[in-house]
PDB file of N, CA and C in Angstrom:
ATOM      1  N   MET A   1     113.296 135.358  76.610  1.00  0.00           N
ATOM      2  CA  MET A   1     112.559 134.274  77.213  1.00  0.00           C
ATOM      3  C   MET A   1     112.578 133.044  76.316  1.00  0.00           C
ATOM      4  N   ILE A   2     112.501 133.246  75.024  1.00  0.00           N
ATOM      5  CA  ILE A   2     112.534 132.121  74.082  1.00  0.00           C
ATOM      6  C   ILE A   2     113.893 131.422  74.158  1.00  0.00           C
ATOM      7  N   LYS A   3     114.966 132.207  74.249  1.00  0.00           N
ATOM      8  CA  LYS A   3     116.299 131.616  74.364  1.00  0.00           C
ATOM      9  C   LYS A   3     116.425 130.807  75.649  1.00  0.00           C
ATOM     10  N   GLY A   4     115.851 131.308  76.721  1.00  0.00           N
ATOM     11  CA  GLY A   4     115.884 130.590  77.996  1.00  0.00           C
ATOM     12  C   GLY A   4     115.126 129.276  77.922  1.00  0.00           C
ATOM     13  N   LEU A   5     113.963 129.289  77.288  1.00  0.00           N
ATOM     14  CA  LEU A   5     113.184 128.065  77.137  1.00  0.00           C
ATOM     15  C   LEU A   5     113.897 127.045  76.262  1.00  0.00           C
ATOM     16  N   LEU A   6     114.518 127.514  75.184  1.00  0.00           N
ATOM     17  CA  LEU A   6     115.287 126.603  74.339  1.00  0.00           C
ATOM     18  C   LEU A   6     116.479 126.022  75.100  1.00  0.00           C
ATOM     19  N   GLY A   7     117.120 126.863  75.895  1.00  0.00           N
ATOM     20  CA  GLY A   7     118.239 126.381  76.715  1.00  0.00           C
ATOM     21  C   GLY A   7     117.798 125.338  77.720  1.00  0.00           C
ATOM     22  N   LEU A   8     116.659 125.582  78.377  1.00  0.00           N
ATOM     23  CA  LEU A   8     116.133 124.598  79.329  1.00  0.00           C
ATOM     24  C   LEU A   8     115.735 123.302  78.637  1.00  0.00           C
ATOM     25  N   LEU A   9     115.201 123.381  77.432  1.00  0.00           N
ATOM     26  CA  LEU A   9     114.838 122.188  76.674  1.00  0.00           C
ATOM     27  C   LEU A   9     116.079 121.362  76.340  1.00  0.00           C
ATOM     28  N   ILE A  10     117.146 122.025  75.948  1.00  0.00           N
ATOM     29  CA  ILE A  10     118.389 121.318  75.621  1.00  0.00           C
ATOM     30  C   ILE A  10     118.969 120.660  76.866  1.00  0.00           C
ATOM     31  N   VAL A  11     118.993 121.385  77.980  1.00  0.00           N
ATOM     32  CA  VAL A  11     119.494 120.812  79.238  1.00  0.00           C
ATOM     33  C   VAL A  11     118.628 119.631  79.661  1.00  0.00           C
ATOM     34  N   PHE A  12     117.313 119.747  79.496  1.00  0.00           N
ATOM     35  CA  PHE A  12     116.389 118.679  79.850  1.00  0.00           C
ATOM     36  C   PHE A  12     116.662 117.424  79.020  1.00  0.00           C
ATOM     37  N   LEU A  13     116.853 117.583  77.720  1.00  0.00           N
ATOM     38  CA  LEU A  13     117.109 116.434  76.860  1.00  0.00           C
ATOM     39  C   LEU A  13     118.456 115.785  77.181  1.00  0.00           C
ATOM     40  N   ILE A  14     119.451 116.591  77.505  1.00  0.00           N
ATOM     41  CA  ILE A  14     120.759 116.039  77.869  1.00  0.00           C
ATOM     42  C   ILE A  14     120.676 115.311  79.203  1.00  0.00           C
ATOM     43  N   ALA A  15     119.907 115.843  80.147  1.00  0.00           N
ATOM     44  CA  ALA A  15     119.808 115.226  81.471  1.00  0.00           C
ATOM     45  C   ALA A  15     119.048 113.906  81.420  1.00  0.00           C
ATOM     46  N   THR A  16     118.081 113.784  80.551  1.00  0.00           N
ATOM     47  CA  THR A  16     117.305 112.545  80.477  1.00  0.00           C
ATOM     48  C   THR A  16     117.855 111.564  79.445  1.00  0.00           C
ATOM     49  N   PHE A  17     118.904 111.947  78.724  1.00  0.00           N
ATOM     50  CA  PHE A  17     119.437 111.083  77.672  1.00  0.00           C
ATOM     51  C   PHE A  17     119.957 109.746  78.181  1.00  0.00           C
ATOM     52  N   PRO A  18     120.755 109.698  79.269  1.00  0.00           N
ATOM     53  CA  PRO A  18     121.287 108.390  79.683  1.00  0.00           C
ATOM     54  C   PRO A  18     120.206 107.362  80.016  1.00  0.00           C
ATOM     55  N   ALA A  19     119.198 107.756  80.774  1.00  0.00           N
ATOM     56  CA  ALA A  19     118.137 106.816  81.119  1.00  0.00           C
ATOM     57  C   ALA A  19     117.345 106.415  79.878  1.00  0.00           C
ATOM     58  N   THR A  20     117.076 107.355  79.014  1.00  0.00           N
ATOM     59  CA  THR A  20     116.307 107.059  77.805  1.00  0.00           C
ATOM     60  C   THR A  20     117.090 106.130  76.888  1.00  0.00           C
ATOM     61  N   TRP A  21     118.380 106.372  76.747  1.00  0.00           N
ATOM     62  CA  TRP A  21     119.215 105.550  75.873  1.00  0.00           C
ATOM     63  C   TRP A  21     119.312 104.119  76.405  1.00  0.00           C
ATOM     64  N   LEU A  22     119.494 103.973  77.715  1.00  0.00           N
ATOM     65  CA  LEU A  22     119.553 102.633  78.292  1.00  0.00           C
ATOM     66  C   LEU A  22     118.220 101.907  78.151  1.00  0.00           C
ATOM     67  N   LEU A  23     117.118 102.624  78.294  1.00  0.00           N
ATOM     68  CA  LEU A  23     115.808 102.009  78.072  1.00  0.00           C
ATOM     69  C   LEU A  23     115.625 101.596  76.619  1.00  0.00           C
ATOM     70  N   MET A  24     116.149 102.391  75.682  1.00  0.00           N
ATOM     71  CA  MET A  24     116.081 102.009  74.278  1.00  0.00           C
ATOM     72  C   MET A  24     116.848 100.712  74.039  1.00  0.00           C
ATOM     73  N   LEU A  25     118.019 100.568  74.662  1.00  0.00           N
ATOM     74  CA  LEU A  25     118.792  99.339  74.511  1.00  0.00           C
ATOM     75  C   LEU A  25     118.043  98.147  75.098  1.00  0.00           C
ATOM     76  N   PHE A  26     117.495  98.313  76.290  1.00  0.00           N
ATOM     77  CA  PHE A  26     116.769  97.223  76.937  1.00  0.00           C
ATOM     78  C   PHE A  26     115.523  96.838  76.142  1.00  0.00           C
ATOM     79  N   LEU A  27     114.725  97.823  75.769  1.00  0.00           N
ATOM     80  CA  LEU A  27     113.496  97.528  75.030  1.00  0.00           C
ATOM     81  C   LEU A  27     113.796  96.991  73.637  1.00  0.00           C
ATOM     82  N   GLY A  28     114.918  97.360  73.070  1.00  0.00           N
ATOM     83  CA  GLY A  28     115.324  96.795  71.782  1.00  0.00           C
ATOM     84  C   GLY A  28     115.677  95.324  71.901  1.00  0.00           C
ATOM     85  N   ASN A  29     116.320  94.941  73.009  1.00  0.00           N
ATOM     86  CA  ASN A  29     116.644  93.533  73.231  1.00  0.00           C
ATOM     87  C   ASN A  29     115.401  92.705  73.519  1.00  0.00           C
ATOM     88  N   VAL A  30     114.378  93.332  74.094  1.00  0.00           N
ATOM     89  CA  VAL A  30     113.124  92.632  74.378  1.00  0.00           C
ATOM     90  C   VAL A  30     112.340  92.410  73.090  1.00  0.00           C
ATOM     91  N   GLY A  31     112.590  93.226  72.094  1.00  0.00           N
ATOM     92  CA  GLY A  31     111.909  93.069  70.817  1.00  0.00           C
ATOM     93  C   GLY A  31     111.058  94.253  70.415  1.00  0.00           C
ATOM     94  N   LEU A  32     110.997  95.272  71.250  1.00  0.00           N
ATOM     95  CA  LEU A  32     110.254  96.480  70.907  1.00  0.00           C
ATOM     96  C   LEU A  32     111.215  97.470  70.265  1.00  0.00           C
ATOM     97  N   GLY A  33     110.967  97.854  69.061  1.00  0.00           N
ATOM     98  CA  GLY A  33     111.846  98.778  68.353  1.00  0.00           C
ATOM     99  C   GLY A  33     111.391 100.213  68.512  1.00  0.00           C
ATOM    100  N   LEU A  34     111.542 100.753  69.717  1.00  0.00           N
ATOM    101  CA  LEU A  34     111.109 102.129  69.958  1.00  0.00           C
ATOM    102  C   LEU A  34     112.219 103.106  69.619  1.00  0.00           C
ATOM    103  N   SER A  35     111.844 104.269  69.131  1.00  0.00           N
ATOM    104  CA  SER A  35     112.803 105.322  68.842  1.00  0.00           C
ATOM    105  C   SER A  35     113.101 106.113  70.114  1.00  0.00           C
ATOM    106  N   TYR A  36     113.991 107.095  69.987  1.00  0.00           N
ATOM    107  CA  TYR A  36     114.314 107.955  71.124  1.00  0.00           C
ATOM    108  C   TYR A  36     113.067 108.682  71.607  1.00  0.00           C
ATOM    109  N   TRP A  37     112.268 109.198  70.679  1.00  0.00           N
ATOM    110  CA  TRP A  37     111.085 109.974  71.047  1.00  0.00           C
ATOM    111  C   TRP A  37     109.996 109.079  71.637  1.00  0.00           C
ATOM    112  N   GLY A  38     109.967 107.823  71.253  1.00  0.00           N
ATOM    113  CA  GLY A  38     109.005 106.902  71.826  1.00  0.00           C
ATOM    114  C   GLY A  38     109.361 106.475  73.237  1.00  0.00           C
ATOM    115  N   THR A  39     110.663 106.462  73.524  1.00  0.00           N
ATOM    116  CA  THR A  39     111.137 106.035  74.838  1.00  0.00           C
ATOM    117  C   THR A  39     111.306 107.210  75.800  1.00  0.00           C
ATOM    118  N   LEU A  40     111.296 108.430  75.295  1.00  0.00           N
ATOM    119  CA  LEU A  40     111.544 109.612  76.123  1.00  0.00           C
ATOM    120  C   LEU A  40     110.601 109.751  77.310  1.00  0.00           C
ATOM    121  N   PRO A  41     109.284 109.546  77.180  1.00  0.00           N
ATOM    122  CA  PRO A  41     108.436 109.690  78.377  1.00  0.00           C
ATOM    123  C   PRO A  41     108.810 108.731  79.500  1.00  0.00           C
ATOM    124  N   LEU A  42     109.124 107.488  79.165  1.00  0.00           N
ATOM    125  CA  LEU A  42     109.553 106.539  80.186  1.00  0.00           C
ATOM    126  C   LEU A  42     110.929 106.919  80.728  1.00  0.00           C
ATOM    127  N   GLY A  43     111.796 107.453  79.876  1.00  0.00           N
ATOM    128  CA  GLY A  43     113.108 107.913  80.324  1.00  0.00           C
ATOM    129  C   GLY A  43     113.007 109.073  81.294  1.00  0.00           C
ATOM    130  N   ILE A  44     112.038 109.943  81.096  1.00  0.00           N
ATOM    131  CA  ILE A  44     111.807 111.058  82.021  1.00  0.00           C
ATOM    132  C   ILE A  44     111.391 110.522  83.380  1.00  0.00           C
ATOM    133  N   LEU A  45     110.465 109.571  83.377  1.00  0.00           N
ATOM    134  CA  LEU A  45     110.017 108.991  84.641  1.00  0.00           C
ATOM    135  C   LEU A  45     111.149 108.279  85.375  1.00  0.00           C
ATOM    136  N   VAL A  46     111.977 107.550  84.648  1.00  0.00           N
ATOM    137  CA  VAL A  46     113.101 106.855  85.273  1.00  0.00           C
ATOM    138  C   VAL A  46     114.109 107.854  85.821  1.00  0.00           C
ATOM    139  N   SER A  47     114.375 108.938  85.099  1.00  0.00           N
ATOM    140  CA  SER A  47     115.312 109.956  85.579  1.00  0.00           C
ATOM    141  C   SER A  47     114.810 110.601  86.867  1.00  0.00           C
ATOM    142  N   VAL A  48     113.513 110.890  86.929  1.00  0.00           N
ATOM    143  CA  VAL A  48     112.931 111.481  88.138  1.00  0.00           C
ATOM    144  C   VAL A  48     112.989 110.485  89.291  1.00  0.00           C
ATOM    145  N   LEU A  49     112.702 109.219  89.007  1.00  0.00           N
ATOM    146  CA  LEU A  49     112.750 108.187  90.038  1.00  0.00           C
ATOM    147  C   LEU A  49     114.164 108.028  90.590  1.00  0.00           C
ATOM    148  N   ILE A  50     115.149 107.975  89.719  1.00  0.00           N
ATOM    149  CA  ILE A  50     116.538 107.847  90.166  1.00  0.00           C
ATOM    150  C   ILE A  50     116.959 109.079  90.960  1.00  0.00           C
ATOM    151  N   GLY A  51     116.566 110.257  90.505  1.00  0.00           N
ATOM    152  CA  GLY A  51     116.892 111.482  91.233  1.00  0.00           C
ATOM    153  C   GLY A  51     116.255 111.525  92.608  1.00  0.00           C
ATOM    154  N   GLY A  52     115.022 111.049  92.709  1.00  0.00           N
ATOM    155  CA  GLY A  52     114.332 111.042  94.004  1.00  0.00           C
ATOM    156  C   GLY A  52     114.897 110.017  94.961  1.00  0.00           C
ATOM    157  N   VAL A  53     115.304 108.870  94.445  1.00  0.00           N
ATOM    158  CA  VAL A  53     115.853 107.823  95.291  1.00  0.00           C
ATOM    159  C   VAL A  53     117.234 108.194  95.810  1.00  0.00           C
ATOM    160  N   THR A  54     118.032 108.856  94.995  1.00  0.00           N
ATOM    161  CA  THR A  54     119.393 109.190  95.402  1.00  0.00           C
ATOM    162  C   THR A  54     119.496 110.499  96.169  1.00  0.00           C
ATOM    163  N   ALA A  55     118.397 111.234  96.275  1.00  0.00           N
ATOM    164  CA  ALA A  55     118.425 112.495  97.009  1.00  0.00           C
ATOM    165  C   ALA A  55     118.487 112.215  98.518  1.00  0.00           C
ATOM    166  N   PRO A  56     119.111 113.127  99.272  1.00  0.00           N
ATOM    167  CA  PRO A  56     119.140 112.917 100.732  1.00  0.00           C
ATOM    168  C   PRO A  56     117.740 112.976 101.331  1.00  0.00           C
ATOM    169  N   ALA A  57     117.496 112.139 102.328  1.00  0.00           N
ATOM    170  CA  ALA A  57     116.169 112.068 102.938  1.00  0.00           C
ATOM    171  C   ALA A  57     115.899 113.301 103.793  1.00  0.00           C
ATOM    172  N   VAL A  58     116.921 113.795 104.467  1.00  0.00           N
ATOM    173  CA  VAL A  58     116.754 114.932 105.370  1.00  0.00           C
ATOM    174  C   VAL A  58     117.795 115.984 104.992  1.00  0.00           C
ATOM    175  N   VAL A  59     117.343 117.200 104.842  1.00  0.00           N
ATOM    176  CA  VAL A  59     118.254 118.302 104.565  1.00  0.00           C
ATOM    177  C   VAL A  59     118.376 119.151 105.836  1.00  0.00           C
ATOM    178  N   ILE A  60     119.593 119.252 106.348  1.00  0.00           N
ATOM    179  CA  ILE A  60     119.840 120.031 107.569  1.00  0.00           C
ATOM    180  C   ILE A  60     120.448 121.359 107.169  1.00  0.00           C
ATOM    181  N   ARG A  61     119.794 122.435 107.556  1.00  0.00           N
ATOM    182  CA  ARG A  61     120.303 123.773 107.251  1.00  0.00           C
ATOM    183  C   ARG A  61     120.801 124.408 108.519  1.00  0.00           C
ATOM    184  N   ASN A  62     121.970 124.956 108.436  1.00  0.00           N
ATOM    185  CA  ASN A  62     122.558 125.625 109.611  1.00  0.00           C
ATOM    186  C   ASN A  62     122.304 127.105 109.568  1.00  0.00           C
TER     187      ASN A  62
END
């Protein structure tokens, strides 16, 4: 179970990395020097938002 949780944590960090990294670049240009760990909560929210927006509205099962 511990190995599974560690695996899920690694997959989670890899999945949220692109949004978090882009937010770090944007916030760095604005003047806020946030680290990866400081930007991660906002990166999680952005990843969920992008996933929800791009998901199909209706799922048809045959």
